Structure formats: structure tokens, C-alpha cells
Amino acid sequence: MIAERAAEALRAKCRLIANVPHNLIEVQAGAFLHRNGAAKADIALVPIAGSRDTPSFLVKPTANREEALSSLAHRAGRKYNRSSMTGPYRSDTIGA
């Protein structure tokens, strides 16, 4: 919806390539599979959302591996956990 509105404002054409949520829960083999930081690998294209500081990517899975629960992990992890980032943040004090 955001892309459609941006295209409309720019008077540009757009088409849907992938409609995949960032986090999802689905039933697989009678159990719930929660993908958090991973995308479905059994689709043609997978969007990997960036952040304010990193770009987003659209990737094509090369294999659908059942031992990986048909998932494509893309979470790189955090340098610091969220709970440690409370209060004023100064990069020169981290790890000191």
C-alpha cells in the first residue's frame, strides 16, 4: 500500500512483485512454525527489509531445503541487544 501511494504521488506505474510479511506464523506438518528473522524459501522472490541505515534487497532463493524448514534466514543479529540501549546513547562509552 505504501509503494502504491508513492507511485501514485510520483505518477509512476508499479506492480506487485512479492507480498510477504516480515514475521509470520504458519501451520506446517501439523505444527506452528514462527518465522522471525527468516522468510519463506519456497517462493520466487524474497524481500529482505533494511532499516534506516541499511538498504533493502529482493533475493531469489536458490534452494528449498526441508531441513531448514523451507526458511531463508536473513537476520544478521544486533551488535548490542535492545535492553542495553536504554538512556542516553554515546558510541564512545559502549564497551568501555
PDB file of N, CA and C in Angstrom:
ATOM      1  N   MET A   1       0.827  -1.175   0.000  1.00  0.00           N
ATOM      2  CA  MET A   1       0.000   0.000   0.000  1.00  0.00           C
ATOM      3  C   MET A   1       0.880   1.250   0.000  1.00  0.00           C
ATOM      4  N   ILE A   2       1.976   1.225   0.731  1.00  0.00           N
ATOM      5  CA  ILE A   2       2.881   2.378   0.756  1.00  0.00           C
ATOM      6  C   ILE A   2       3.489   2.596  -0.621  1.00  0.00           C
ATOM      7  N   ALA A   3       3.924   1.504  -1.263  1.00  0.00           N
ATOM      8  CA  ALA A   3       4.512   1.611  -2.595  1.00  0.00           C
ATOM      9  C   ALA A   3       3.494   2.125  -3.605  1.00  0.00           C
ATOM     10  N   GLU A   4       2.253   1.660  -3.491  1.00  0.00           N
ATOM     11  CA  GLU A   4       1.205   2.141  -4.404  1.00  0.00           C
ATOM     12  C   GLU A   4       0.982   3.635  -4.237  1.00  0.00           C
ATOM     13  N   ARG A   5       0.938   4.094  -3.008  1.00  0.00           N
ATOM     14  CA  ARG A   5       0.728   5.535  -2.763  1.00  0.00           C
ATOM     15  C   ARG A   5       1.926   6.359  -3.242  1.00  0.00           C
ATOM     16  N   ALA A   6       3.133   5.842  -3.032  1.00  0.00           N
ATOM     17  CA  ALA A   6       4.320   6.553  -3.507  1.00  0.00           C
ATOM     18  C   ALA A   6       4.320   6.629  -5.028  1.00  0.00           C
ATOM     19  N   ALA A   7       3.986   5.530  -5.694  1.00  0.00           N
ATOM     20  CA  ALA A   7       3.935   5.525  -7.157  1.00  0.00           C
ATOM     21  C   ALA A   7       2.874   6.490  -7.666  1.00  0.00           C
ATOM     22  N   GLU A   8       1.736   6.511  -7.000  1.00  0.00           N
ATOM     23  CA  GLU A   8       0.670   7.436  -7.394  1.00  0.00           C
ATOM     24  C   GLU A   8       1.128   8.884  -7.253  1.00  0.00           C
ATOM     25  N   ALA A   9       1.806   9.196  -6.152  1.00  0.00           N
ATOM     26  CA  ALA A   9       2.286  10.560  -5.928  1.00  0.00           C
ATOM     27  C   ALA A   9       3.335  10.958  -6.969  1.00  0.00           C
ATOM     28  N   LEU A  10       4.112   9.983  -7.422  1.00  0.00           N
ATOM     29  CA  LEU A  10       5.151  10.239  -8.428  1.00  0.00           C
ATOM     30  C   LEU A  10       4.629  10.094  -9.857  1.00  0.00           C
ATOM     31  N   ARG A  11       3.344   9.751  -9.961  1.00  0.00           N
ATOM     32  CA  ARG A  11       2.711   9.483 -11.261  1.00  0.00           C
ATOM     33  C   ARG A  11       3.493   8.410 -12.028  1.00  0.00           C
ATOM     34  N   ALA A  12       3.845   7.365 -11.301  1.00  0.00           N
ATOM     35  CA  ALA A  12       4.599   6.247 -11.876  1.00  0.00           C
ATOM     36  C   ALA A  12       3.751   4.989 -11.817  1.00  0.00           C
ATOM     37  N   LYS A  13       4.135   4.006 -12.594  1.00  0.00           N
ATOM     38  CA  LYS A  13       3.452   2.715 -12.571  1.00  0.00           C
ATOM     39  C   LYS A  13       4.218   1.778 -11.646  1.00  0.00           C
ATOM     40  N   CYS A  14       3.488   0.901 -10.983  1.00  0.00           N
ATOM     41  CA  CYS A  14       4.134  -0.114 -10.154  1.00  0.00           C
ATOM     42  C   CYS A  14       3.343  -1.403 -10.267  1.00  0.00           C
ATOM     43  N   ARG A  15       4.005  -2.509  -9.979  1.00  0.00           N
ATOM     44  CA  ARG A  15       3.329  -3.797  -9.971  1.00  0.00           C
ATOM     45  C   ARG A  15       3.828  -4.593  -8.775  1.00  0.00           C
ATOM     46  N   LEU A  16       2.957  -5.400  -8.231  1.00  0.00           N
ATOM     47  CA  LEU A  16       3.281  -6.214  -7.076  1.00  0.00           C
ATOM     48  C   LEU A  16       4.257  -7.322  -7.480  1.00  0.00           C
ATOM     49  N   ILE A  17       5.363  -7.420  -6.766  1.00  0.00           N
ATOM     50  CA  ILE A  17       6.356  -8.471  -7.014  1.00  0.00           C
ATOM     51  C   ILE A  17       6.278  -9.520  -5.922  1.00  0.00           C
ATOM     52  N   ALA A  18       6.185  -9.089  -4.679  1.00  0.00           N
ATOM     53  CA  ALA A  18       6.100 -10.017  -3.551  1.00  0.00           C
ATOM     54  C   ALA A  18       5.280  -9.367  -2.451  1.00  0.00           C
ATOM     55  N   ASN A  19       4.427 -10.165  -1.817  1.00  0.00           N
ATOM     56  CA  ASN A  19       3.627  -9.686  -0.704  1.00  0.00           C
ATOM     57  C   ASN A  19       3.854 -10.660   0.446  1.00  0.00           C
ATOM     58  N   VAL A  20       4.916 -10.427   1.190  1.00  0.00           N
ATOM     59  CA  VAL A  20       5.356 -11.351   2.227  1.00  0.00           C
ATOM     60  C   VAL A  20       5.555 -10.574   3.521  1.00  0.00           C
ATOM     61  N   PRO A  21       4.939 -11.002   4.622  1.00  0.00           N
ATOM     62  CA  PRO A  21       5.153 -10.301   5.890  1.00  0.00           C
ATOM     63  C   PRO A  21       6.552 -10.554   6.440  1.00  0.00           C
ATOM     64  N   HIS A  22       7.025  -9.611   7.237  1.00  0.00           N
ATOM     65  CA  HIS A  22       8.368  -9.755   7.823  1.00  0.00           C
ATOM     66  C   HIS A  22       8.406 -10.887   8.853  1.00  0.00           C
ATOM     67  N   ASN A  23       7.403 -10.971   9.687  1.00  0.00           N
ATOM     68  CA  ASN A  23       7.282 -12.058  10.662  1.00  0.00           C
ATOM     69  C   ASN A  23       5.980 -12.783  10.362  1.00  0.00           C
ATOM     70  N   LEU A  24       6.017 -14.108  10.395  1.00  0.00           N
ATOM     71  CA  LEU A  24       4.786 -14.821  10.143  1.00  0.00           C
ATOM     72  C   LEU A  24       4.751 -16.142  10.889  1.00  0.00           C
ATOM     73  N   ILE A  25       3.542 -16.582  11.167  1.00  0.00           N
ATOM     74  CA  ILE A  25       3.308 -17.884  11.786  1.00  0.00           C
ATOM     75  C   ILE A  25       2.421 -18.660  10.835  1.00  0.00           C
ATOM     76  N   GLU A  26       2.830 -19.891  10.518  1.00  0.00           N
ATOM     77  CA  GLU A  26       2.006 -20.723   9.657  1.00  0.00           C
ATOM     78  C   GLU A  26       2.022 -22.156  10.161  1.00  0.00           C
ATOM     79  N   VAL A  27       1.032 -22.912   9.761  1.00  0.00           N
ATOM     80  CA  VAL A  27       0.958 -24.316  10.145  1.00  0.00           C
ATOM     81  C   VAL A  27       1.722 -25.121   9.105  1.00  0.00           C
ATOM     82  N   GLN A  28       2.657 -25.927   9.584  1.00  0.00           N
ATOM     83  CA  GLN A  28       3.462 -26.770   8.701  1.00  0.00           C
ATOM     84  C   GLN A  28       3.583 -28.142   9.351  1.00  0.00           C
ATOM     85  N   ALA A  29       3.120 -29.167   8.669  1.00  0.00           N
ATOM     86  CA  ALA A  29       3.154 -30.546   9.179  1.00  0.00           C
ATOM     87  C   ALA A  29       2.445 -30.649  10.527  1.00  0.00           C
ATOM     88  N   GLY A  30       1.329 -29.941  10.683  1.00  0.00           N
ATOM     89  CA  GLY A  30       0.533 -30.024  11.895  1.00  0.00           C
ATOM     90  C   GLY A  30       1.080 -29.255  13.080  1.00  0.00           C
ATOM     91  N   ALA A  31       2.129 -28.471  12.888  1.00  0.00           N
ATOM     92  CA  ALA A  31       2.718 -27.679  13.973  1.00  0.00           C
ATOM     93  C   ALA A  31       2.815 -26.222  13.528  1.00  0.00           C
ATOM     94  N   PHE A  32       2.913 -25.326  14.491  1.00  0.00           N
ATOM     95  CA  PHE A  32       3.071 -23.910  14.173  1.00  0.00           C
ATOM     96  C   PHE A  32       4.547 -23.611  13.935  1.00  0.00           C
ATOM     97  N   LEU A  33       4.819 -22.936  12.836  1.00  0.00           N
ATOM     98  CA  LEU A  33       6.173 -22.509  12.506  1.00  0.00           C
ATOM     99  C   LEU A  33       6.186 -20.988  12.541  1.00  0.00           C
ATOM    100  N   HIS A  34       7.005 -20.419  13.425  1.00  0.00           N
ATOM    101  CA  HIS A  34       7.125 -18.967  13.547  1.00  0.00           C
ATOM    102  C   HIS A  34       8.415 -18.539  12.883  1.00  0.00           C
ATOM    103  N   ARG A  35       8.276 -17.749  11.848  1.00  0.00           N
ATOM    104  CA  ARG A  35       9.468 -17.226  11.163  1.00  0.00           C
ATOM    105  C   ARG A  35       9.678 -15.800  11.649  1.00  0.00           C
ATOM    106  N   ASN A  36      10.710 -15.594  12.411  1.00  0.00           N
ATOM    107  CA  ASN A  36      11.092 -14.281  12.906  1.00  0.00           C
ATOM    108  C   ASN A  36      12.547 -14.100  12.513  1.00  0.00           C
ATOM    109  N   GLY A  37      12.809 -13.211  11.576  1.00  0.00           N
ATOM    110  CA  GLY A  37      14.166 -13.070  11.064  1.00  0.00           C
ATOM    111  C   GLY A  37      14.461 -14.084   9.979  1.00  0.00           C
ATOM    112  N   ALA A  38      13.427 -14.678   9.420  1.00  0.00           N
ATOM    113  CA  ALA A  38      13.579 -15.618   8.315  1.00  0.00           C
ATOM    114  C   ALA A  38      12.372 -15.470   7.397  1.00  0.00           C
ATOM    115  N   ALA A  39      12.568 -15.782   6.131  1.00  0.00           N
ATOM    116  CA  ALA A  39      11.487 -15.686   5.151  1.00  0.00           C
ATOM    117  C   ALA A  39      11.233 -17.050   4.548  1.00  0.00           C
ATOM    118  N   LYS A  40      10.098 -17.198   3.916  1.00  0.00           N
ATOM    119  CA  LYS A  40       9.776 -18.451   3.236  1.00  0.00           C
ATOM    120  C   LYS A  40      10.734 -18.628   2.059  1.00  0.00           C
ATOM    121  N   ALA A  41      11.301 -19.809   1.918  1.00  0.00           N
ATOM    122  CA  ALA A  41      12.229 -20.077   0.817  1.00  0.00           C
ATOM    123  C   ALA A  41      11.543 -20.785  -0.335  1.00  0.00           C
ATOM    124  N   ASP A  42      10.249 -21.034  -0.220  1.00  0.00           N
ATOM    125  CA  ASP A  42       9.536 -21.746  -1.278  1.00  0.00           C
ATOM    126  C   ASP A  42       8.733 -20.797  -2.174  1.00  0.00           C
ATOM    127  N   ILE A  43       9.159 -19.532  -2.233  1.00  0.00           N
ATOM    128  CA  ILE A  43       8.535 -18.558  -3.119  1.00  0.00           C
ATOM    129  C   ILE A  43       9.595 -18.018  -4.070  1.00  0.00           C
ATOM    130  N   ALA A  44       9.161 -17.397  -5.159  1.00  0.00           N
ATOM    131  CA  ALA A  44      10.086 -16.973  -6.210  1.00  0.00           C
ATOM    132  C   ALA A  44      11.048 -15.871  -5.767  1.00  0.00           C
ATOM    133  N   LEU A  45      10.546 -14.856  -5.095  1.00  0.00           N
ATOM    134  CA  LEU A  45      11.376 -13.733  -4.658  1.00  0.00           C
ATOM    135  C   LEU A  45      11.088 -13.418  -3.206  1.00  0.00           C
ATOM    136  N   VAL A  46      12.136 -13.073  -2.468  1.00  0.00           N
ATOM    137  CA  VAL A  46      12.008 -12.791  -1.041  1.00  0.00           C
ATOM    138  C   VAL A  46      12.534 -11.385  -0.767  1.00  0.00           C
ATOM    139  N   PRO A  47      11.679 -10.495  -0.252  1.00  0.00           N
ATOM    140  CA  PRO A  47      12.180  -9.183   0.151  1.00  0.00           C
ATOM    141  C   PRO A  47      12.857  -9.276   1.518  1.00  0.00           C
ATOM    142  N   ILE A  48      14.011  -8.655   1.634  1.00  0.00           N
ATOM    143  CA  ILE A  48      14.721  -8.580   2.904  1.00  0.00           C
ATOM    144  C   ILE A  48      14.755  -7.103   3.267  1.00  0.00           C
ATOM    145  N   ALA A  49      13.958  -6.779   4.264  1.00  0.00           N
ATOM    146  CA  ALA A  49      13.795  -5.374   4.638  1.00  0.00           C
ATOM    147  C   ALA A  49      15.041  -4.824   5.301  1.00  0.00           C
ATOM    148  N   GLY A  50      15.398  -3.639   4.915  1.00  0.00           N
ATOM    149  CA  GLY A  50      16.503  -2.939   5.550  1.00  0.00           C
ATOM    150  C   GLY A  50      16.004  -2.113   6.721  1.00  0.00           C
ATOM    151  N   SER A  51      16.834  -1.208   7.156  1.00  0.00           N
ATOM    152  CA  SER A  51      16.465  -0.313   8.250  1.00  0.00           C
ATOM    153  C   SER A  51      16.802   1.109   7.820  1.00  0.00           C
ATOM    154  N   ARG A  52      16.835   2.000   8.765  1.00  0.00           N
ATOM    155  CA  ARG A  52      17.204   3.376   8.425  1.00  0.00           C
ATOM    156  C   ARG A  52      18.627   3.461   7.881  1.00  0.00           C
ATOM    157  N   ASP A  53      19.486   2.563   8.338  1.00  0.00           N
ATOM    158  CA  ASP A  53      20.895   2.623   7.951  1.00  0.00           C
ATOM    159  C   ASP A  53      21.312   1.595   6.909  1.00  0.00           C
ATOM    160  N   THR A  54      20.441   0.670   6.562  1.00  0.00           N
ATOM    161  CA  THR A  54      20.818  -0.390   5.629  1.00  0.00           C
ATOM    162  C   THR A  54      19.799  -0.496   4.503  1.00  0.00           C
ATOM    163  N   PRO A  55      20.249  -0.867   3.317  1.00  0.00           N
ATOM    164  CA  PRO A  55      19.319  -0.985   2.193  1.00  0.00           C
ATOM    165  C   PRO A  55      18.469  -2.240   2.287  1.00  0.00           C
ATOM    166  N   SER A  56      17.384  -2.261   1.544  1.00  0.00           N
ATOM    167  CA  SER A  56      16.546  -3.455   1.411  1.00  0.00           C
ATOM    168  C   SER A  56      16.989  -4.210   0.166  1.00  0.00           C
ATOM    169  N   PHE A  57      16.704  -5.508   0.132  1.00  0.00           N
ATOM    170  CA  PHE A  57      17.089  -6.337  -1.003  1.00  0.00           C
ATOM    171  C   PHE A  57      15.921  -7.206  -1.424  1.00  0.00           C
ATOM    172  N   LEU A  58      15.911  -7.611  -2.671  1.00  0.00           N
ATOM    173  CA  LEU A  58      14.975  -8.594  -3.199  1.00  0.00           C
ATOM    174  C   LEU A  58      15.839  -9.741  -3.698  1.00  0.00           C
ATOM    175  N   VAL A  59      15.735 -10.904  -3.056  1.00  0.00           N
ATOM    176  CA  VAL A  59      16.610 -12.028  -3.381  1.00  0.00           C
ATOM    177  C   VAL A  59      15.801 -13.204  -3.904  1.00  0.00           C
ATOM    178  N   LYS A  60      16.473 -14.060  -4.640  1.00  0.00           N
ATOM    179  CA  LYS A  60      15.851 -15.268  -5.178  1.00  0.00           C
ATOM    180  C   LYS A  60      16.448 -16.462  -4.450  1.00  0.00           C
ATOM    181  N   PRO A  61      15.640 -17.204  -3.686  1.00  0.00           N
ATOM    182  CA  PRO A  61      16.173 -18.393  -3.004  1.00  0.00           C
ATOM    183  C   PRO A  61      16.711 -19.389  -4.028  1.00  0.00           C
ATOM    184  N   THR A  62      17.853 -19.994  -3.726  1.00  0.00           N
ATOM    185  CA  THR A  62      18.458 -20.946  -4.659  1.00  0.00           C
ATOM    186  C   THR A  62      18.033 -22.370  -4.380  1.00  0.00           C
ATOM    187  N   ALA A  63      17.480 -22.628  -3.200  1.00  0.00           N
ATOM    188  CA  ALA A  63      17.038 -23.984  -2.872  1.00  0.00           C
ATOM    189  C   ALA A  63      15.958 -23.910  -1.809  1.00  0.00           C
ATOM    190  N   ASN A  64      15.088 -24.895  -1.812  1.00  0.00           N
ATOM    191  CA  ASN A  64      14.068 -25.031  -0.781  1.00  0.00           C
ATOM    192  C   ASN A  64      14.476 -26.225   0.074  1.00  0.00           C
ATOM    193  N   ARG A  65      15.159 -25.971   1.147  1.00  0.00           N
ATOM    194  CA  ARG A  65      15.713 -27.044   1.973  1.00  0.00           C
ATOM    195  C   ARG A  65      14.773 -27.372   3.115  1.00  0.00           C
ATOM    196  N   GLU A  66      14.288 -28.595   3.108  1.00  0.00           N
ATOM    197  CA  GLU A  66      13.348 -29.019   4.148  1.00  0.00           C
ATOM    198  C   GLU A  66      13.993 -29.024   5.529  1.00  0.00           C
ATOM    199  N   GLU A  67      15.283 -29.336   5.617  1.00  0.00           N
ATOM    200  CA  GLU A  67      15.944 -29.344   6.920  1.00  0.00           C
ATOM    201  C   GLU A  67      16.057 -27.943   7.513  1.00  0.00           C
ATOM    202  N   ALA A  68      15.886 -26.931   6.684  1.00  0.00           N
ATOM    203  CA  ALA A  68      15.849 -25.545   7.153  1.00  0.00           C
ATOM    204  C   ALA A  68      14.403 -25.069   7.279  1.00  0.00           C
ATOM    205  N   LEU A  69      13.456 -26.015   7.276  1.00  0.00           N
ATOM    206  CA  LEU A  69      12.020 -25.724   7.386  1.00  0.00           C
ATOM    207  C   LEU A  69      11.549 -24.774   6.285  1.00  0.00           C
ATOM    208  N   SER A  70      12.148 -24.923   5.098  1.00  0.00           N
ATOM    209  CA  SER A  70      11.810 -24.079   3.938  1.00  0.00           C
ATOM    210  C   SER A  70      11.935 -22.596   4.277  1.00  0.00           C
ATOM    211  N   SER A  71      12.942 -22.266   5.092  1.00  0.00           N
ATOM    212  CA  SER A  71      13.148 -20.886   5.531  1.00  0.00           C
ATOM    213  C   SER A  71      14.479 -20.343   5.028  1.00  0.00           C
ATOM    214  N   LEU A  72      14.496 -19.062   4.800  1.00  0.00           N
ATOM    215  CA  LEU A  72      15.695 -18.353   4.386  1.00  0.00           C
ATOM    216  C   LEU A  72      16.029 -17.368   5.499  1.00  0.00           C
ATOM    217  N   ALA A  73      17.033 -17.703   6.295  1.00  0.00           N
ATOM    218  CA  ALA A  73      17.412 -16.828   7.414  1.00  0.00           C
ATOM    219  C   ALA A  73      18.072 -15.576   6.866  1.00  0.00           C
ATOM    220  N   HIS A  74      17.677 -14.434   7.392  1.00  0.00           N
ATOM    221  CA  HIS A  74      18.298 -13.191   6.947  1.00  0.00           C
ATOM    222  C   HIS A  74      18.591 -12.231   8.086  1.00  0.00           C
ATOM    223  N   ARG A  75      18.337 -12.641   9.298  1.00  0.00           N
ATOM    224  CA  ARG A  75      18.656 -11.759  10.420  1.00  0.00           C
ATOM    225  C   ARG A  75      20.147 -11.858  10.703  1.00  0.00           C
ATOM    226  N   ALA A  76      20.818 -10.755  10.624  1.00  0.00           N
ATOM    227  CA  ALA A  76      22.253 -10.739  10.849  1.00  0.00           C
ATOM    228  C   ALA A  76      22.595 -10.599  12.327  1.00  0.00           C
ATOM    229  N   GLY A  77      21.619 -10.289  13.131  1.00  0.00           N
ATOM    230  CA  GLY A  77      21.886 -10.097  14.550  1.00  0.00           C
ATOM    231  C   GLY A  77      22.162  -8.639  14.871  1.00  0.00           C
ATOM    232  N   ARG A  78      22.242  -8.351  16.124  1.00  0.00           N
ATOM    233  CA  ARG A  78      22.490  -6.988  16.581  1.00  0.00           C
ATOM    234  C   ARG A  78      23.845  -6.922  17.260  1.00  0.00           C
ATOM    235  N   LYS A  79      24.484  -5.787  17.115  1.00  0.00           N
ATOM    236  CA  LYS A  79      25.750  -5.589  17.810  1.00  0.00           C
ATOM    237  C   LYS A  79      25.502  -5.484  19.308  1.00  0.00           C
ATOM    238  N   TYR A  80      24.397  -4.820  19.677  1.00  0.00           N
ATOM    239  CA  TYR A  80      24.021  -4.662  21.072  1.00  0.00           C
ATOM    240  C   TYR A  80      22.566  -5.065  21.223  1.00  0.00           C
ATOM    241  N   ASN A  81      22.209  -5.706  22.325  1.00  0.00           N
ATOM    242  CA  ASN A  81      20.812  -6.083  22.497  1.00  0.00           C
ATOM    243  C   ASN A  81      19.983  -4.851  22.842  1.00  0.00           C
ATOM    244  N   ARG A  82      18.689  -4.943  22.634  1.00  0.00           N
ATOM    245  CA  ARG A  82      17.806  -3.789  22.821  1.00  0.00           C
ATOM    246  C   ARG A  82      17.807  -3.278  24.255  1.00  0.00           C
ATOM    247  N   SER A  83      17.851  -4.182  25.234  1.00  0.00           N
ATOM    248  CA  SER A  83      17.776  -3.739  26.626  1.00  0.00           C
ATOM    249  C   SER A  83      19.009  -2.938  27.046  1.00  0.00           C
ATOM    250  N   SER A  84      20.129  -3.129  26.371  1.00  0.00           N
ATOM    251  CA  SER A  84      21.329  -2.377  26.744  1.00  0.00           C
ATOM    252  C   SER A  84      21.319  -0.966  26.154  1.00  0.00           C
ATOM    253  N   MET A  85      20.348  -0.659  25.317  1.00  0.00           N
ATOM    254  CA  MET A  85      20.307   0.633  24.641  1.00  0.00           C
ATOM    255  C   MET A  85      19.346   1.600  25.313  1.00  0.00           C
ATOM    256  N   THR A  86      19.218   1.543  26.618  1.00  0.00           N
ATOM    257  CA  THR A  86      18.353   2.478  27.323  1.00  0.00           C
ATOM    258  C   THR A  86      19.166   3.684  27.762  1.00  0.00           C
ATOM    259  N   GLY A  87      18.497   4.801  27.925  1.00  0.00           N
ATOM    260  CA  GLY A  87      19.167   6.016  28.365  1.00  0.00           C
ATOM    261  C   GLY A  87      19.930   6.671  27.235  1.00  0.00           C
ATOM    262  N   PRO A  88      20.719   7.684  27.566  1.00  0.00           N
ATOM    263  CA  PRO A  88      21.487   8.394  26.533  1.00  0.00           C
ATOM    264  C   PRO A  88      22.478   7.439  25.867  1.00  0.00           C
ATOM    265  N   TYR A  89      22.604   7.551  24.588  1.00  0.00           N
ATOM    266  CA  TYR A  89      23.494   6.677  23.819  1.00  0.00           C
ATOM    267  C   TYR A  89      24.691   7.485  23.336  1.00  0.00           C
ATOM    268  N   ARG A  90      25.871   7.029  23.729  1.00  0.00           N
ATOM    269  CA  ARG A  90      27.107   7.641  23.225  1.00  0.00           C
ATOM    270  C   ARG A  90      28.001   6.516  22.766  1.00  0.00           C
ATOM    271  N   SER A  91      28.378   6.534  21.490  1.00  0.00           N
ATOM    272  CA  SER A  91      29.160   5.430  20.929  1.00  0.00           C
ATOM    273  C   SER A  91      30.515   5.292  21.595  1.00  0.00           C
ATOM    274  N   ASP A  92      31.064   6.371  22.185  1.00  0.00           N
ATOM    275  CA  ASP A  92      32.376   6.269  22.807  1.00  0.00           C
ATOM    276  C   ASP A  92      32.330   5.579  24.174  1.00  0.00           C
ATOM    277  N   THR A  93      31.103   5.345  24.716  1.00  0.00           N
ATOM    278  CA  THR A  93      31.005   4.687  26.020  1.00  0.00           C
ATOM    279  C   THR A  93      30.634   3.220  25.892  1.00  0.00           C
ATOM    280  N   ILE A  94      30.226   2.767  24.715  1.00  0.00           N
ATOM    281  CA  ILE A  94      29.845   1.366  24.529  1.00  0.00           C
ATOM    282  C   ILE A  94      31.109   0.511  24.591  1.00  0.00           C
ATOM    283  N   GLY A  95      31.042  -0.513  25.412  1.00  0.00           N
ATOM    284  CA  GLY A  95      32.168  -1.441  25.530  1.00  0.00           C
ATOM    285  C   GLY A  95      33.311  -0.926  26.389  1.00  0.00           C
ATOM    286  N   ALA A  96      33.140   0.269  26.976  1.00  0.00           N
ATOM    287  CA  ALA A  96      34.211   0.845  27.800  1.00  0.00           C
ATOM    288  C   ALA A  96      34.216   0.205  29.175  1.00  0.00           C
TER     289      ALA A  96
END
